[in-house]
């Protein structure tokens, strides 16, 4: 082997070895430009302020701007698809929701993404407990009394939802499956019409978010009889968790951050650590709870495990109830 060829080999070897620290240095420097956080819903509701809360926390701590990109449509699946297809470099994140990661896939809906394979979970951000409310004319002051009433009058209690297959609908189907009580489902095109009809007494019960029902609870136009979260929530400590009488009952949505699959683990872990610091901050917690939500935190693995377990759980409920998305 000639001297010139030996030097060429050595030079190539040094170039390869030298590129490894350079790659690590690029990750260590993360982030060095603005981040994009996709929110799969329009401004308003609880997704947008949740995204802005975590985005502002990270932005303040890291000294980089985070642009909130609202991409609503198709039951949140458009935004989830954009998040899945983004470049896996940590500069595009997604506020993923149980609706887009669990409910839509559980129906077997044809999606442009796989909720398991196409994302790198980062961490849970908030729980969104569903409140079970009834019209004041219903002779039930708690969930057990509502169940007993439904059993005594099979199918005569109408429960509303913003639409077939929504978490609101599935929560009541879960209650039916676990108790044998029979209700009649009345689907609406959105939460607004369902709210109007419950307040008017045209339907008798519904699962809805705490912020949605707080104004009506304050004026006694509806009554809260149970909370779908596994435990009582801090914003409504006097309302019994349904799980207290039905162990294992859980009708709670959640939001968390995800990145596209293939995003470096060092970046995932760095964001997760910052999320968990936010979730331990008293002022941050106060803001989240002020929206009627519950603070949440997890490791990336725990969030991935949750997606898998929730997908299996709700698929079983949907199949057992024979629910079709287009009902």
Protein backbone atom coordinates (compact mmCIF):
# COMPACT_ATOMS: atom_id res chain seq x y z
CA UNK A 1 0.00 0.00 0.00
CA UNK A 2 1.45 3.37 -1.03
CA UNK A 3 1.96 6.26 1.39
CA UNK A 4 -0.58 8.42 -0.46
CA UNK A 5 -3.29 5.71 -0.24
CA UNK A 6 -2.61 5.22 3.49
CA UNK A 7 -3.15 8.91 4.16
CA UNK A 8 -6.40 8.87 2.18
CA UNK A 9 -7.70 6.00 4.36
CA UNK A 10 -6.64 7.77 7.55
CA UNK A 11 -8.28 11.00 6.40
CA UNK A 12 -11.57 9.20 5.71
CA UNK A 13 -11.43 7.51 9.13
CA UNK A 14 -10.89 10.85 10.88
CA UNK A 15 -13.77 12.38 8.92
CA UNK A 16 -16.15 9.59 10.04
CA UNK A 17 -15.07 9.75 13.69
CA UNK A 18 -15.16 13.54 13.63
CA UNK A 19 -18.76 13.56 12.40
CA UNK A 20 -20.00 11.66 15.47
CA UNK A 21 -19.17 14.39 18.02
CA UNK A 22 -20.55 16.94 15.56
CA UNK A 23 -23.92 15.12 15.50
CA UNK A 24 -24.00 14.98 19.29
CA UNK A 25 -23.11 18.66 19.46
CA UNK A 26 -26.05 19.50 17.22
CA UNK A 27 -28.43 17.66 19.62
CA UNK A 28 -26.83 19.28 22.66
CA UNK A 29 -27.37 22.71 21.12
CA UNK A 30 -31.09 22.00 20.73
CA UNK A 31 -33.06 24.18 20.43
CA UNK A 32 -31.35 26.94 18.51
CA UNK A 33 -34.31 28.18 16.46
CA UNK A 34 -38.08 28.57 16.93
CA UNK A 35 -40.27 25.54 17.53
CA UNK A 36 -43.68 24.82 16.00
CA UNK A 37 -46.42 23.30 18.17
CA UNK A 38 -49.36 21.91 16.20
CA UNK A 39 -52.75 22.05 17.95
CA UNK A 40 -55.33 19.88 16.15
CA UNK A 41 -58.25 22.09 17.20
CA UNK A 42 -59.21 25.74 16.62
CA UNK A 43 -58.48 28.44 19.22
CA UNK A 44 -60.81 28.27 22.20
CA UNK A 45 -61.79 25.28 24.29
CA UNK A 46 -59.06 23.76 26.42
CA UNK A 47 -56.54 22.46 23.86
CA UNK A 48 -55.31 25.89 22.77
CA UNK A 49 -54.65 27.33 26.26
CA UNK A 50 -53.02 24.05 27.31
CA UNK A 51 -50.65 24.21 24.35
CA UNK A 52 -49.90 27.87 25.01
CA UNK A 53 -49.24 27.19 28.69
CA UNK A 54 -46.64 24.51 28.02
CA UNK A 55 -45.31 26.42 25.02
CA UNK A 56 -44.81 29.58 27.08
CA UNK A 57 -43.11 27.66 29.88
CA UNK A 58 -40.63 26.01 27.52
CA UNK A 59 -40.10 29.23 25.59
CA UNK A 60 -39.30 31.16 28.76
CA UNK A 61 -36.92 28.51 30.08
CA UNK A 62 -35.08 27.91 26.82
CA UNK A 63 -35.13 31.42 25.36
CA UNK A 64 -36.64 30.41 22.02
CA UNK A 65 -40.04 31.22 20.58
CA UNK A 66 -42.70 28.54 20.12
CA UNK A 67 -45.25 29.16 17.38
CA UNK A 68 -48.72 27.71 18.02
CA UNK A 69 -50.11 26.31 14.77
CA UNK A 70 -53.85 25.54 15.00
CA UNK A 71 -54.78 22.89 12.43
CA UNK A 72 -58.37 21.77 13.11
CA UNK A 73 -60.51 19.42 11.08
CA UNK A 74 -61.76 15.84 10.74
CA UNK A 75 -62.12 15.30 14.47
CA UNK A 76 -58.51 16.42 15.09
CA UNK A 77 -57.03 13.86 12.69
CA UNK A 78 -55.76 16.48 10.21
CA UNK A 79 -53.51 18.04 12.84
CA UNK A 80 -52.35 14.65 14.08
CA UNK A 81 -51.42 13.63 10.53
CA UNK A 82 -49.36 16.81 10.09
CA UNK A 83 -47.53 16.08 13.33
CA UNK A 84 -46.79 12.51 12.26
CA UNK A 85 -45.35 13.57 8.91
CA UNK A 86 -43.15 16.41 10.20
CA UNK A 87 -39.35 16.25 10.11
CA UNK A 88 -38.18 14.32 13.21
CA UNK A 89 -35.71 16.93 14.41
CA UNK A 90 -37.54 18.20 17.50
CA UNK A 91 -38.60 21.48 15.92
CA UNK A 92 -42.19 20.38 15.18
CA UNK A 93 -44.21 19.08 18.11
CA UNK A 94 -47.86 18.06 18.43
CA UNK A 95 -50.36 18.53 21.21
CA UNK A 96 -51.81 15.05 20.82
CA UNK A 97 -55.25 14.21 22.20
CA UNK A 98 -56.94 10.99 23.19
CA UNK A 99 -59.55 11.79 20.52
CA UNK A 100 -57.01 11.65 17.70
CA UNK A 101 -54.72 9.01 19.19
CA UNK A 102 -57.30 6.62 20.63
CA UNK A 103 -60.97 7.25 19.77
CA UNK A 104 -60.67 7.70 16.00
CA UNK A 105 -58.28 4.75 15.60
CA UNK A 106 -60.50 2.59 17.87
CA UNK A 107 -63.32 2.97 15.35
CA UNK A 108 -61.08 1.62 12.61
CA UNK A 109 -61.27 4.95 10.81
CA UNK A 110 -58.90 5.14 7.84
CA UNK A 111 -56.21 7.58 8.99
CA UNK A 112 -53.10 9.08 7.45
CA UNK A 113 -51.08 8.02 10.50
CA UNK A 114 -50.60 5.13 12.91
CA UNK A 115 -51.03 6.30 16.53
CA UNK A 116 -48.44 3.81 17.75
CA UNK A 117 -45.81 3.68 15.00
CA UNK A 118 -45.76 7.24 13.70
CA UNK A 119 -45.16 9.17 16.93
CA UNK A 120 -42.51 9.50 19.61
CA UNK A 121 -44.47 10.21 22.83
CA UNK A 122 -42.94 12.94 24.99
CA UNK A 123 -45.23 13.24 27.99
CA UNK A 124 -48.74 13.80 29.29
CA UNK A 125 -49.79 17.38 29.96
CA UNK A 126 -53.34 17.40 31.32
CA UNK A 127 -56.31 15.19 32.07
CA UNK A 128 -59.73 16.36 30.89
CA UNK A 129 -62.30 14.74 33.21
CA UNK A 130 -65.84 14.34 31.93
CA UNK A 131 -68.62 15.39 34.25
CA UNK A 132 -71.91 13.48 34.34
CA UNK A 133 -74.73 16.00 34.67
CA UNK A 134 -78.52 15.70 34.72
CA UNK A 135 -81.46 18.04 34.44
CA UNK A 136 -82.74 19.13 37.89
CA UNK A 137 -86.02 17.36 37.16
CA UNK A 138 -84.27 13.99 37.24
CA UNK A 139 -84.76 12.28 40.62
CA UNK A 140 -81.08 11.38 41.02
CA UNK A 141 -78.55 13.18 43.15
CA UNK A 142 -75.64 10.85 42.45
CA UNK A 143 -74.55 8.29 39.87
CA UNK A 144 -75.91 5.28 41.74
CA UNK A 145 -79.36 6.84 41.92
CA UNK A 146 -79.21 7.57 38.18
CA UNK A 147 -78.25 3.95 37.48
CA UNK A 148 -81.11 2.69 39.66
CA UNK A 149 -83.54 5.01 37.90
CA UNK A 150 -82.42 3.82 34.47
CA UNK A 151 -82.80 0.20 35.52
CA UNK A 152 -86.29 0.86 36.82
CA UNK A 153 -87.25 2.66 33.59
CA UNK A 154 -85.20 0.97 30.83
CA UNK A 155 -84.57 3.26 27.87
CA UNK A 156 -86.71 6.12 29.21
CA UNK A 157 -83.78 8.34 30.24
CA UNK A 158 -82.35 10.12 27.22
CA UNK A 159 -78.68 11.04 27.25
CA UNK A 160 -77.22 13.45 24.77
CA UNK A 161 -73.80 13.80 23.15
CA UNK A 162 -72.11 16.12 20.64
CA UNK A 163 -72.21 13.20 18.22
CA UNK A 164 -71.96 9.45 17.86
CA UNK A 165 -68.57 8.12 18.84
CA UNK A 166 -67.49 11.18 20.80
CA UNK A 167 -65.91 10.62 24.23
CA UNK A 168 -69.13 12.00 25.73
CA UNK A 169 -71.10 9.22 24.01
CA UNK A 170 -68.57 6.51 24.81
CA UNK A 171 -68.60 7.42 28.51
CA UNK A 172 -72.31 6.62 28.78
CA UNK A 173 -71.85 3.43 26.77
CA UNK A 174 -69.16 2.41 29.24
CA UNK A 175 -71.56 3.11 32.11
CA UNK A 176 -74.18 0.95 30.38
CA UNK A 177 -71.71 -1.88 29.81
CA UNK A 178 -70.55 -1.88 33.43
CA UNK A 179 -74.02 -1.65 35.04
CA UNK A 180 -76.61 -3.03 32.64
CA UNK A 181 -78.62 0.20 32.95
CA UNK A 182 -80.32 1.18 29.70
CA UNK A 183 -80.33 4.73 28.39
CA UNK A 184 -81.41 6.10 25.01
CA UNK A 185 -78.71 7.94 23.08
CA UNK A 186 -79.62 11.22 21.38
CA UNK A 187 -76.69 12.41 19.21
CA UNK A 188 -76.40 16.09 18.28
CA UNK A 189 -74.25 17.96 15.79
CA UNK A 190 -72.02 19.56 18.40
CA UNK A 191 -72.08 20.33 22.09
CA UNK A 192 -74.08 23.57 21.81
CA UNK A 193 -77.44 22.05 20.79
CA UNK A 194 -77.04 19.24 23.35
CA UNK A 195 -76.41 21.79 26.10
CA UNK A 196 -79.51 23.76 25.15
CA UNK A 197 -81.70 20.65 25.22
CA UNK A 198 -80.39 19.42 28.57
CA UNK A 199 -80.99 22.80 30.20
CA UNK A 200 -84.49 22.80 28.68
CA UNK A 201 -85.17 19.27 29.94
CA UNK A 202 -85.62 17.69 26.50
CA UNK A 203 -82.86 15.24 27.38
CA UNK A 204 -82.05 14.13 30.90
CA UNK A 205 -78.31 13.39 31.11
CA UNK A 206 -74.99 14.02 29.42
CA UNK A 207 -71.24 13.69 29.87
CA UNK A 208 -69.43 16.98 29.27
CA UNK A 209 -66.32 18.90 30.21
CA UNK A 210 -66.18 20.78 33.50
CA UNK A 211 -65.68 24.24 31.89
CA UNK A 212 -68.67 23.60 29.64
CA UNK A 213 -71.03 23.00 32.56
CA UNK A 214 -69.67 25.26 35.31
CA UNK A 215 -71.85 28.28 34.33
CA UNK A 216 -75.00 26.14 34.35
CA UNK A 217 -74.08 24.47 37.63
CA UNK A 218 -73.62 27.91 39.21
CA UNK A 219 -77.21 28.83 38.31
CA UNK A 220 -78.64 25.41 39.26
CA UNK A 221 -79.88 24.74 35.74
CA UNK A 222 -78.17 21.34 35.83
CA UNK A 223 -76.93 19.01 38.56
CA UNK A 224 -73.58 17.19 38.67
CA UNK A 225 -73.97 13.56 39.78
CA UNK A 226 -70.53 12.13 39.04
CA UNK A 227 -67.09 12.68 37.58
CA UNK A 228 -65.54 10.33 35.03
CA UNK A 229 -61.99 10.74 36.35
CA UNK A 230 -60.58 7.82 38.40
CA UNK A 231 -60.49 10.13 41.44
CA UNK A 232 -62.30 13.28 42.55
CA UNK A 233 -60.95 16.43 40.96
CA UNK A 234 -59.60 19.45 42.77
CA UNK A 235 -61.89 21.91 41.02
CA UNK A 236 -65.02 19.98 42.15
CA UNK A 237 -64.06 18.00 45.28
CA UNK A 238 -67.67 17.44 46.39
CA UNK A 239 -68.61 15.55 43.23
CA UNK A 240 -68.19 11.81 43.62
CA UNK A 241 -65.91 9.96 41.21
CA UNK A 242 -67.97 7.30 39.43
CA UNK A 243 -65.08 4.92 40.08
CA UNK A 244 -65.95 5.07 43.79
CA UNK A 245 -69.02 2.95 43.05
CA UNK A 246 -67.77 1.33 39.82
CA UNK A 247 -64.08 0.47 40.26
CA UNK A 248 -62.24 0.83 36.98
CA UNK A 249 -64.63 3.35 35.45
CA UNK A 250 -62.66 6.00 33.59
CA UNK A 251 -64.04 8.55 31.15
CA UNK A 252 -61.21 11.05 31.05
CA UNK A 253 -59.63 12.53 27.95
CA UNK A 254 -56.06 13.78 27.99
CA UNK A 255 -53.60 15.89 26.06
CA UNK A 256 -49.86 15.49 25.79
CA UNK A 257 -46.88 16.37 23.64
CA UNK A 258 -45.57 14.11 20.91
CA UNK A 259 -42.95 14.35 18.18
CA UNK A 260 -42.67 12.45 14.91
CA UNK A 261 -41.23 8.94 15.18
CA UNK A 262 -37.46 9.00 14.79
CA UNK A 263 -36.92 12.16 16.84
CA UNK A 264 -33.70 11.67 18.87
CA UNK A 265 -34.27 10.36 22.41
CA UNK A 266 -32.06 13.10 23.86
CA UNK A 267 -34.47 15.72 22.53
CA UNK A 268 -37.55 13.78 23.69
CA UNK A 269 -36.12 13.46 27.19
CA UNK A 270 -35.13 17.12 27.34
CA UNK A 271 -38.66 18.27 26.51
CA UNK A 272 -40.16 15.72 28.90
CA UNK A 273 -38.00 16.98 31.77
CA UNK A 274 -39.18 20.56 31.12
CA UNK A 275 -42.82 19.49 30.99
CA UNK A 276 -42.46 17.73 34.33
CA UNK A 277 -40.87 20.82 35.87
CA UNK A 278 -43.87 22.85 34.71
CA UNK A 279 -46.26 20.24 36.13
CA UNK A 280 -44.64 20.61 39.55
CA UNK A 281 -44.87 24.42 39.59
CA UNK A 282 -47.69 25.75 41.86
CA UNK A 283 -48.58 28.68 39.61
CA UNK A 284 -48.65 26.48 36.52
CA UNK A 285 -50.85 23.94 38.31
CA UNK A 286 -53.20 26.73 39.43
CA UNK A 287 -53.62 27.89 35.84
CA UNK A 288 -54.39 24.38 34.58
CA UNK A 289 -56.86 23.66 37.37
CA UNK A 290 -58.52 27.02 36.74
CA UNK A 291 -59.64 25.64 33.38
CA UNK A 292 -61.30 22.66 35.06
CA UNK A 293 -58.46 20.35 34.03
CA UNK A 294 -56.13 18.18 36.10
CA UNK A 295 -52.36 18.43 35.80
CA UNK A 296 -50.65 15.32 34.44
CA UNK A 297 -47.09 14.15 33.94
CA UNK A 298 -45.40 11.00 32.70
CA UNK A 299 -42.29 9.56 31.15
CA UNK A 300 -42.28 9.08 27.36
CA UNK A 301 -42.69 5.32 27.87
CA UNK A 302 -45.64 5.78 30.22
CA UNK A 303 -47.40 7.93 27.65
CA UNK A 304 -46.79 5.33 24.95
CA UNK A 305 -48.14 2.60 27.23
CA UNK A 306 -51.23 4.73 27.94
CA UNK A 307 -51.97 5.13 24.23
CA UNK A 308 -51.78 1.36 23.74
CA UNK A 309 -53.92 0.49 26.76
CA UNK A 310 -56.55 3.16 26.01
CA UNK A 311 -56.75 2.02 22.40
CA UNK A 312 -57.47 -1.54 23.53
CA UNK A 313 -59.98 -0.42 26.18
CA UNK A 314 -62.09 1.83 23.97
CA UNK A 315 -61.96 -0.59 21.03
CA UNK A 316 -63.58 -3.15 23.32
CA UNK A 317 -66.28 -0.68 24.46
CA UNK A 318 -67.07 0.32 20.86
CA UNK A 319 -67.28 -3.27 19.66
CA UNK A 320 -69.40 -4.33 22.66
CA UNK A 321 -71.88 -1.49 22.09
CA UNK A 322 -71.92 -2.03 18.32
CA UNK A 323 -71.23 1.67 17.69
CA UNK A 324 -70.55 2.82 14.14
CA UNK A 325 -69.00 6.28 13.45
CA UNK A 326 -71.69 7.23 10.94
CA UNK A 327 -74.71 6.29 13.13
